[in-house]
């Protein structure tokens, strides 16, 4: 995974999420577990890049308070791997559980950068039928954070 260079609070939060995704484990067709490569905002992956995780930041919403911007940023994280001989539903449920466990961890504030991380949905929408096809599981999280009014680099 390439580190982000931008220093806004949003970028720092994304980097922290990306760092947590570096520890995501994906089951290989051999039955062994391996670390997933992590990419930013990719639309497609080549088969030789699997297993892989993709972190995709979504457009955020905001609300102005007296002196701060209260923001909610959705982030979608996808895990992709080859199905192998595994049962597609069983593997998908295992990967979803891995995402829900690894992204929030014990500190849902990302070392004080955010107020909260919420899991808002996830799963698999397209199950493969053959062992050489890829299985993709996604999970979407909402991250609440605040910055000084009109100042994306100053956390509140």
N, C-alpha and C. Protein backbone atom coordinates (compact mmCIF):
# COMPACT_ATOMS: atom_id res chain seq x y z
N UNK A 1 0.84 -1.17 0.00
CA UNK A 1 0.00 0.00 0.00
C UNK A 1 0.89 1.24 0.00
N UNK A 2 0.53 2.17 -0.83
CA UNK A 2 1.23 3.44 -0.88
C UNK A 2 0.67 4.36 0.18
N UNK A 3 1.54 4.99 0.96
CA UNK A 3 1.08 5.94 1.97
C UNK A 3 0.55 7.19 1.30
N UNK A 4 -0.45 7.81 1.95
CA UNK A 4 -0.99 9.07 1.45
C UNK A 4 -0.08 10.21 1.89
N UNK A 5 0.09 11.19 1.03
CA UNK A 5 0.94 12.33 1.34
C UNK A 5 0.16 13.51 1.89
N UNK A 6 -1.12 13.60 1.58
CA UNK A 6 -1.96 14.70 2.04
C UNK A 6 -2.04 14.69 3.56
N UNK A 7 -2.07 15.86 4.18
CA UNK A 7 -2.06 15.95 5.63
C UNK A 7 -3.37 16.42 6.24
N UNK A 8 -4.46 16.38 5.48
CA UNK A 8 -5.75 16.73 6.06
C UNK A 8 -6.15 15.66 7.09
N UNK A 9 -7.05 16.01 7.98
CA UNK A 9 -7.52 15.04 8.97
C UNK A 9 -8.16 13.85 8.26
N UNK A 10 -8.93 14.12 7.21
CA UNK A 10 -9.55 13.03 6.43
C UNK A 10 -8.47 12.08 5.89
N UNK A 11 -7.42 12.62 5.31
CA UNK A 11 -6.35 11.77 4.77
C UNK A 11 -5.65 10.99 5.88
N UNK A 12 -5.45 11.60 7.03
CA UNK A 12 -4.83 10.89 8.16
C UNK A 12 -5.72 9.75 8.63
N UNK A 13 -7.03 9.97 8.65
CA UNK A 13 -7.97 8.91 9.02
C UNK A 13 -7.90 7.77 7.99
N UNK A 14 -7.90 8.13 6.72
CA UNK A 14 -7.80 7.10 5.67
C UNK A 14 -6.51 6.31 5.79
N UNK A 15 -5.41 6.98 6.08
CA UNK A 15 -4.13 6.28 6.24
C UNK A 15 -4.20 5.30 7.42
N UNK A 16 -4.83 5.72 8.51
CA UNK A 16 -4.97 4.83 9.67
C UNK A 16 -5.82 3.61 9.32
N UNK A 17 -6.90 3.82 8.56
CA UNK A 17 -7.73 2.70 8.11
C UNK A 17 -6.90 1.79 7.20
N UNK A 18 -6.17 2.38 6.27
CA UNK A 18 -5.32 1.60 5.37
C UNK A 18 -4.28 0.79 6.14
N UNK A 19 -3.70 1.38 7.18
CA UNK A 19 -2.72 0.66 8.00
C UNK A 19 -3.37 -0.55 8.67
N UNK A 20 -4.59 -0.39 9.15
CA UNK A 20 -5.29 -1.53 9.77
C UNK A 20 -5.58 -2.61 8.73
N UNK A 21 -5.87 -2.20 7.51
CA UNK A 21 -6.16 -3.18 6.45
C UNK A 21 -4.93 -3.97 6.06
N UNK A 22 -3.74 -3.48 6.38
CA UNK A 22 -2.51 -4.22 6.08
C UNK A 22 -2.49 -5.55 6.84
N UNK A 23 -3.29 -5.67 7.89
CA UNK A 23 -3.32 -6.91 8.68
C UNK A 23 -4.48 -7.82 8.31
N UNK A 24 -5.23 -7.49 7.25
CA UNK A 24 -6.35 -8.34 6.85
C UNK A 24 -5.84 -9.66 6.31
N UNK A 25 -6.47 -10.73 6.74
CA UNK A 25 -6.09 -12.07 6.29
C UNK A 25 -7.15 -12.62 5.35
N UNK A 26 -6.70 -13.27 4.28
CA UNK A 26 -7.58 -13.86 3.29
C UNK A 26 -7.17 -15.31 3.08
N UNK A 27 -8.17 -16.18 2.98
CA UNK A 27 -7.89 -17.60 2.76
C UNK A 27 -7.52 -17.84 1.30
N UNK A 28 -6.44 -18.56 1.10
CA UNK A 28 -5.98 -18.92 -0.25
C UNK A 28 -6.63 -20.23 -0.69
N UNK A 29 -6.67 -20.52 -2.00
CA UNK A 29 -7.21 -21.80 -2.46
C UNK A 29 -6.52 -23.01 -1.83
N UNK A 30 -5.28 -22.84 -1.38
CA UNK A 30 -4.55 -23.94 -0.73
C UNK A 30 -5.08 -24.22 0.67
N UNK A 31 -5.94 -23.34 1.18
CA UNK A 31 -6.45 -23.51 2.54
C UNK A 31 -5.67 -22.71 3.56
N UNK A 32 -4.54 -22.13 3.18
CA UNK A 32 -3.74 -21.32 4.10
C UNK A 32 -4.24 -19.88 4.08
N UNK A 33 -3.92 -19.16 5.14
CA UNK A 33 -4.29 -17.75 5.24
C UNK A 33 -3.09 -16.89 4.91
N UNK A 34 -3.32 -15.77 4.23
CA UNK A 34 -2.24 -14.87 3.84
C UNK A 34 -2.69 -13.42 3.98
N UNK A 35 -1.71 -12.52 4.12
CA UNK A 35 -2.01 -11.09 4.14
C UNK A 35 -2.47 -10.67 2.75
N UNK A 36 -3.44 -9.78 2.72
CA UNK A 36 -3.91 -9.23 1.45
C UNK A 36 -3.08 -8.00 1.09
N UNK A 37 -2.75 -7.86 -0.20
CA UNK A 37 -2.19 -6.60 -0.66
C UNK A 37 -3.28 -5.55 -0.53
N UNK A 38 -2.92 -4.32 -0.22
CA UNK A 38 -3.93 -3.27 -0.05
C UNK A 38 -3.70 -2.18 -1.09
N UNK A 39 -4.79 -1.78 -1.74
CA UNK A 39 -4.76 -0.75 -2.77
C UNK A 39 -5.76 0.34 -2.40
N UNK A 40 -5.54 1.53 -2.91
CA UNK A 40 -6.46 2.66 -2.72
C UNK A 40 -7.39 2.78 -3.92
N UNK A 41 -8.70 2.80 -3.70
CA UNK A 41 -9.70 3.17 -4.68
C UNK A 41 -9.63 2.51 -6.04
N UNK A 42 -9.28 1.27 -6.11
CA UNK A 42 -9.19 0.56 -7.40
C UNK A 42 -10.56 0.06 -7.82
N UNK A 43 -10.82 0.10 -9.13
CA UNK A 43 -12.07 -0.41 -9.69
C UNK A 43 -11.96 -1.88 -10.08
N UNK A 44 -10.74 -2.31 -10.43
CA UNK A 44 -10.55 -3.71 -10.82
C UNK A 44 -9.16 -4.16 -10.41
N UNK A 45 -9.01 -5.47 -10.30
CA UNK A 45 -7.75 -6.09 -9.91
C UNK A 45 -7.39 -7.16 -10.92
N UNK A 46 -6.11 -7.36 -11.11
CA UNK A 46 -5.65 -8.46 -11.96
C UNK A 46 -5.58 -9.73 -11.11
N UNK A 47 -5.83 -10.89 -11.71
CA UNK A 47 -5.81 -12.14 -10.93
C UNK A 47 -4.51 -12.35 -10.16
N UNK A 48 -3.38 -11.91 -10.70
CA UNK A 48 -2.11 -12.13 -10.00
C UNK A 48 -1.95 -11.21 -8.78
N UNK A 49 -2.83 -10.21 -8.63
CA UNK A 49 -2.79 -9.33 -7.47
C UNK A 49 -3.55 -9.90 -6.27
N UNK A 50 -4.30 -10.98 -6.48
CA UNK A 50 -5.10 -11.56 -5.40
C UNK A 50 -4.23 -12.42 -4.48
N UNK A 51 -4.54 -12.50 -3.21
CA UNK A 51 -5.64 -11.82 -2.52
C UNK A 51 -5.32 -10.35 -2.31
N UNK A 52 -6.37 -9.54 -2.31
CA UNK A 52 -6.18 -8.11 -2.20
C UNK A 52 -7.32 -7.45 -1.44
N UNK A 53 -7.01 -6.32 -0.87
CA UNK A 53 -8.00 -5.45 -0.25
C UNK A 53 -7.97 -4.12 -0.96
N UNK A 54 -9.12 -3.48 -1.07
CA UNK A 54 -9.21 -2.16 -1.70
C UNK A 54 -9.96 -1.24 -0.74
N UNK A 55 -9.32 -0.12 -0.40
CA UNK A 55 -9.92 0.89 0.47
C UNK A 55 -10.42 2.02 -0.42
N UNK A 56 -11.73 2.28 -0.38
CA UNK A 56 -12.33 3.30 -1.23
C UNK A 56 -13.06 4.33 -0.38
N UNK A 57 -12.50 5.54 -0.27
CA UNK A 57 -13.21 6.60 0.45
C UNK A 57 -14.36 7.12 -0.40
N UNK A 58 -15.48 7.37 0.25
CA UNK A 58 -16.67 7.86 -0.43
C UNK A 58 -16.88 9.34 -0.09
N UNK A 59 -17.75 10.04 -0.82
CA UNK A 59 -18.04 11.43 -0.48
C UNK A 59 -18.63 11.54 0.92
N UNK A 60 -18.15 12.54 1.66
CA UNK A 60 -18.62 12.71 3.02
C UNK A 60 -19.74 13.73 3.09
N UNK A 61 -20.43 13.73 4.22
CA UNK A 61 -21.44 14.74 4.51
C UNK A 61 -20.96 15.54 5.70
N UNK A 62 -21.42 16.77 5.79
CA UNK A 62 -20.98 17.62 6.88
C UNK A 62 -22.06 18.54 7.38
N UNK A 63 -21.85 19.03 8.58
CA UNK A 63 -22.76 19.98 9.20
C UNK A 63 -21.93 20.97 9.98
N UNK A 64 -22.23 22.24 9.82
CA UNK A 64 -21.51 23.29 10.52
C UNK A 64 -22.13 23.50 11.91
N UNK A 65 -21.28 23.51 12.90
CA UNK A 65 -21.69 23.93 14.22
C UNK A 65 -21.07 25.31 14.44
N UNK A 66 -21.09 25.80 15.64
CA UNK A 66 -20.60 27.15 15.93
C UNK A 66 -19.21 27.41 15.36
N UNK A 67 -18.25 26.52 15.67
CA UNK A 67 -16.87 26.76 15.24
C UNK A 67 -16.21 25.53 14.63
N UNK A 68 -17.02 24.55 14.21
CA UNK A 68 -16.44 23.33 13.66
C UNK A 68 -17.29 22.76 12.54
N UNK A 69 -16.67 21.90 11.76
CA UNK A 69 -17.37 21.12 10.75
C UNK A 69 -17.45 19.69 11.28
N UNK A 70 -18.68 19.20 11.48
CA UNK A 70 -18.92 17.82 11.94
C UNK A 70 -19.14 16.98 10.69
N UNK A 71 -18.26 16.00 10.46
CA UNK A 71 -18.23 15.27 9.20
C UNK A 71 -18.45 13.78 9.39
N UNK A 72 -19.07 13.15 8.40
CA UNK A 72 -19.23 11.71 8.35
C UNK A 72 -18.72 11.22 7.00
N UNK A 73 -17.70 10.38 7.04
CA UNK A 73 -17.08 9.87 5.82
C UNK A 73 -17.34 8.37 5.71
N UNK A 74 -18.07 7.93 4.68
CA UNK A 74 -18.19 6.50 4.43
C UNK A 74 -16.91 5.98 3.76
N UNK A 75 -16.48 4.81 4.17
CA UNK A 75 -15.34 4.15 3.55
C UNK A 75 -15.76 2.71 3.26
N UNK A 76 -15.58 2.30 2.01
CA UNK A 76 -15.88 0.92 1.63
C UNK A 76 -14.57 0.17 1.47
N UNK A 77 -14.51 -0.99 2.10
CA UNK A 77 -13.33 -1.84 2.01
C UNK A 77 -13.76 -3.17 1.41
N UNK A 78 -13.06 -3.58 0.37
CA UNK A 78 -13.36 -4.84 -0.31
C UNK A 78 -12.20 -5.80 -0.15
N UNK A 79 -12.52 -7.06 0.06
CA UNK A 79 -11.53 -8.13 0.06
C UNK A 79 -11.84 -9.05 -1.10
N UNK A 80 -10.83 -9.37 -1.88
CA UNK A 80 -11.00 -10.25 -3.04
C UNK A 80 -10.00 -11.39 -2.98
N UNK A 81 -10.48 -12.59 -3.29
CA UNK A 81 -9.61 -13.77 -3.33
C UNK A 81 -10.22 -14.79 -4.28
N UNK A 82 -9.43 -15.78 -4.64
CA UNK A 82 -9.95 -16.88 -5.46
C UNK A 82 -10.72 -17.82 -4.56
N UNK A 83 -11.80 -18.36 -5.08
CA UNK A 83 -12.67 -19.23 -4.30
C UNK A 83 -11.99 -20.54 -3.93
N UNK A 84 -11.27 -21.14 -4.85
CA UNK A 84 -10.66 -22.44 -4.57
C UNK A 84 -11.73 -23.48 -4.32
N UNK A 85 -11.47 -24.40 -3.40
CA UNK A 85 -12.42 -25.47 -3.09
C UNK A 85 -13.37 -25.11 -1.96
N UNK A 86 -13.32 -23.87 -1.50
CA UNK A 86 -14.15 -23.46 -0.37
C UNK A 86 -15.60 -23.26 -0.77
N UNK A 87 -16.46 -23.39 0.20
CA UNK A 87 -17.87 -23.04 0.04
C UNK A 87 -17.93 -21.52 -0.02
N UNK A 88 -18.55 -20.97 -1.07
CA UNK A 88 -18.55 -19.52 -1.29
C UNK A 88 -19.18 -18.76 -0.13
N UNK A 89 -20.29 -19.24 0.38
CA UNK A 89 -20.97 -18.53 1.47
C UNK A 89 -20.12 -18.58 2.74
N UNK A 90 -19.54 -19.74 3.04
CA UNK A 90 -18.72 -19.87 4.23
C UNK A 90 -17.50 -18.95 4.17
N UNK A 91 -16.83 -18.93 3.02
CA UNK A 91 -15.66 -18.07 2.86
C UNK A 91 -16.06 -16.60 2.94
N UNK A 92 -17.17 -16.22 2.31
CA UNK A 92 -17.63 -14.84 2.35
C UNK A 92 -17.92 -14.40 3.77
N UNK A 93 -18.57 -15.25 4.54
CA UNK A 93 -18.89 -14.89 5.93
C UNK A 93 -17.62 -14.74 6.77
N UNK A 94 -16.65 -15.58 6.50
CA UNK A 94 -15.37 -15.49 7.20
C UNK A 94 -14.65 -14.18 6.88
N UNK A 95 -14.66 -13.79 5.62
CA UNK A 95 -14.00 -12.55 5.21
C UNK A 95 -14.73 -11.32 5.75
N UNK A 96 -16.05 -11.36 5.76
CA UNK A 96 -16.81 -10.25 6.33
C UNK A 96 -16.51 -10.09 7.82
N UNK A 97 -16.44 -11.21 8.52
CA UNK A 97 -16.10 -11.16 9.95
C UNK A 97 -14.70 -10.57 10.14
N UNK A 98 -13.76 -10.93 9.26
CA UNK A 98 -12.40 -10.38 9.34
C UNK A 98 -12.42 -8.86 9.16
N UNK A 99 -13.18 -8.37 8.22
CA UNK A 99 -13.30 -6.93 8.02
C UNK A 99 -13.91 -6.24 9.24
N UNK A 100 -14.97 -6.79 9.76
CA UNK A 100 -15.65 -6.18 10.91
C UNK A 100 -14.80 -6.21 12.17
N UNK A 101 -13.89 -7.17 12.26
CA UNK A 101 -13.00 -7.28 13.41
C UNK A 101 -11.79 -6.34 13.28
N UNK A 102 -11.20 -6.31 12.10
CA UNK A 102 -9.92 -5.64 11.92
C UNK A 102 -10.02 -4.12 11.76
N UNK A 103 -11.06 -3.64 11.08
CA UNK A 103 -11.12 -2.21 10.80
C UNK A 103 -11.34 -1.38 12.07
N UNK A 104 -12.35 -1.67 12.90
CA UNK A 104 -12.51 -0.86 14.11
C UNK A 104 -11.49 -1.18 15.21
N UNK A 105 -11.05 -2.41 15.28
CA UNK A 105 -10.17 -2.87 16.36
C UNK A 105 -10.72 -2.42 17.71
N UNK A 106 -9.86 -2.24 18.68
CA UNK A 106 -10.31 -1.82 20.01
C UNK A 106 -10.44 -0.31 20.13
N UNK A 107 -9.77 0.44 19.25
CA UNK A 107 -9.81 1.89 19.31
C UNK A 107 -10.59 2.42 18.12
N UNK A 108 -11.85 2.74 18.35
CA UNK A 108 -12.69 3.24 17.26
C UNK A 108 -12.47 4.72 16.98
N UNK A 109 -11.53 5.37 17.69
CA UNK A 109 -11.26 6.78 17.44
C UNK A 109 -10.01 6.98 16.59
N UNK A 110 -9.37 5.91 16.17
CA UNK A 110 -8.16 6.00 15.35
C UNK A 110 -7.13 6.93 16.00
N UNK A 111 -6.82 6.62 17.25
CA UNK A 111 -5.85 7.41 18.02
C UNK A 111 -6.25 8.88 18.13
N UNK A 112 -7.53 9.12 18.30
CA UNK A 112 -8.01 10.48 18.52
C UNK A 112 -8.34 11.27 17.27
N UNK A 113 -8.16 10.71 16.10
CA UNK A 113 -8.49 11.43 14.87
C UNK A 113 -9.99 11.46 14.60
N UNK A 114 -10.70 10.46 15.04
CA UNK A 114 -12.13 10.33 14.77
C UNK A 114 -12.91 10.23 16.07
N UNK A 115 -14.21 10.46 15.96
CA UNK A 115 -15.08 10.29 17.12
C UNK A 115 -15.62 8.87 17.21
N UNK A 116 -15.86 8.26 16.03
CA UNK A 116 -16.47 6.92 16.03
C UNK A 116 -16.33 6.28 14.65
N UNK A 117 -16.23 4.95 14.66
CA UNK A 117 -16.31 4.14 13.43
C UNK A 117 -17.51 3.22 13.59
N UNK A 118 -18.41 3.26 12.61
CA UNK A 118 -19.59 2.40 12.64
C UNK A 118 -19.62 1.51 11.41
N UNK A 119 -19.84 0.24 11.62
CA UNK A 119 -20.10 -0.68 10.50
C UNK A 119 -21.54 -0.44 10.09
N UNK A 120 -21.78 -0.19 8.78
CA UNK A 120 -23.13 0.10 8.33
C UNK A 120 -23.67 -0.91 7.33
N UNK A 121 -22.82 -1.82 6.87
CA UNK A 121 -23.33 -2.86 5.97
C UNK A 121 -22.22 -3.53 5.20
N UNK A 122 -22.53 -4.70 4.69
CA UNK A 122 -21.54 -5.40 3.90
C UNK A 122 -22.00 -6.79 3.52
N UNK A 123 -21.13 -7.48 2.79
CA UNK A 123 -21.41 -8.83 2.36
C UNK A 123 -20.98 -9.03 0.92
N UNK A 124 -21.57 -10.03 0.30
CA UNK A 124 -21.25 -10.38 -1.09
C UNK A 124 -22.52 -10.31 -1.91
N UNK A 125 -22.42 -9.65 -3.07
CA UNK A 125 -23.60 -9.55 -3.92
C UNK A 125 -23.54 -10.50 -5.11
N UNK A 126 -22.35 -11.05 -5.40
CA UNK A 126 -22.20 -11.93 -6.56
C UNK A 126 -21.30 -13.11 -6.17
N UNK A 127 -21.90 -14.27 -5.97
CA UNK A 127 -21.13 -15.45 -5.55
C UNK A 127 -20.59 -16.19 -6.77
N UNK A 128 -19.32 -16.56 -6.77
CA UNK A 128 -18.75 -17.31 -7.89
C UNK A 128 -19.24 -18.76 -7.88
N UNK A 129 -19.18 -19.39 -9.04
CA UNK A 129 -19.64 -20.77 -9.16
C UNK A 129 -18.50 -21.77 -9.34
N UNK A 130 -17.34 -21.27 -9.77
CA UNK A 130 -16.21 -22.18 -10.02
C UNK A 130 -15.04 -21.80 -9.14
N UNK A 131 -14.17 -22.77 -8.88
CA UNK A 131 -13.04 -22.55 -7.98
C UNK A 131 -12.01 -21.55 -8.50
N UNK A 132 -12.02 -21.26 -9.80
CA UNK A 132 -11.04 -20.32 -10.35
C UNK A 132 -11.58 -18.90 -10.44
N UNK A 133 -12.77 -18.69 -9.94
CA UNK A 133 -13.35 -17.35 -9.96
C UNK A 133 -13.07 -16.64 -8.64
N UNK A 134 -13.10 -15.31 -8.70
CA UNK A 134 -12.83 -14.55 -7.48
C UNK A 134 -14.11 -14.27 -6.71
N UNK A 135 -13.94 -14.20 -5.41
CA UNK A 135 -15.00 -13.86 -4.48
C UNK A 135 -14.65 -12.50 -3.92
N UNK A 136 -15.61 -11.58 -3.92
CA UNK A 136 -15.37 -10.24 -3.38
C UNK A 136 -16.38 -9.97 -2.27
N UNK A 137 -15.86 -9.56 -1.13
CA UNK A 137 -16.67 -9.21 0.03
C UNK A 137 -16.40 -7.76 0.36
N UNK A 138 -17.47 -6.98 0.58
CA UNK A 138 -17.29 -5.58 0.92
C UNK A 138 -17.90 -5.28 2.28
N UNK A 139 -17.35 -4.27 2.92
CA UNK A 139 -17.92 -3.75 4.16
C UNK A 139 -17.81 -2.23 4.11
N UNK A 140 -18.88 -1.56 4.51
CA UNK A 140 -18.86 -0.11 4.54
C UNK A 140 -18.93 0.35 5.98
N UNK A 141 -18.06 1.30 6.29
CA UNK A 141 -17.99 1.89 7.62
C UNK A 141 -18.23 3.39 7.48
N UNK A 142 -18.86 3.98 8.47
CA UNK A 142 -18.98 5.43 8.55
C UNK A 142 -18.07 5.91 9.65
N UNK A 143 -17.31 6.95 9.36
CA UNK A 143 -16.36 7.49 10.32
C UNK A 143 -16.75 8.93 10.60
N UNK A 144 -17.07 9.20 11.86
CA UNK A 144 -17.42 10.54 12.30
C UNK A 144 -16.16 11.23 12.81
N UNK A 145 -15.96 12.47 12.35
CA UNK A 145 -14.84 13.27 12.84
C UNK A 145 -15.19 14.74 12.72
N UNK A 146 -14.37 15.60 13.29
CA UNK A 146 -14.63 17.04 13.24
C UNK A 146 -13.33 17.78 12.96
N UNK A 147 -13.49 18.89 12.27
CA UNK A 147 -12.35 19.78 12.04
C UNK A 147 -12.78 21.20 12.42
N UNK A 148 -11.82 22.06 12.59
CA UNK A 148 -12.15 23.47 12.77
C UNK A 148 -12.91 23.94 11.53
N UNK A 149 -13.76 24.91 11.68
CA UNK A 149 -14.57 25.40 10.56
C UNK A 149 -13.68 25.79 9.38
N UNK A 150 -13.96 25.20 8.24
CA UNK A 150 -13.24 25.47 6.99
C UNK A 150 -11.74 25.21 7.08
N UNK A 151 -11.31 24.37 8.01
CA UNK A 151 -9.89 24.07 8.14
C UNK A 151 -9.72 22.55 8.20
N UNK A 152 -9.54 21.87 7.06
CA UNK A 152 -9.46 20.42 7.03
C UNK A 152 -8.21 19.83 7.69
N UNK A 153 -7.24 20.68 8.05
CA UNK A 153 -6.02 20.17 8.69
C UNK A 153 -6.05 20.27 10.21
N UNK A 154 -7.06 20.95 10.78
CA UNK A 154 -7.11 21.14 12.24
C UNK A 154 -8.24 20.33 12.86
N UNK A 155 -7.85 19.33 13.63
CA UNK A 155 -8.82 18.45 14.30
C UNK A 155 -9.42 19.16 15.50
N UNK A 156 -10.65 18.81 15.80
CA UNK A 156 -11.35 19.35 16.98
C UNK A 156 -11.54 18.23 17.98
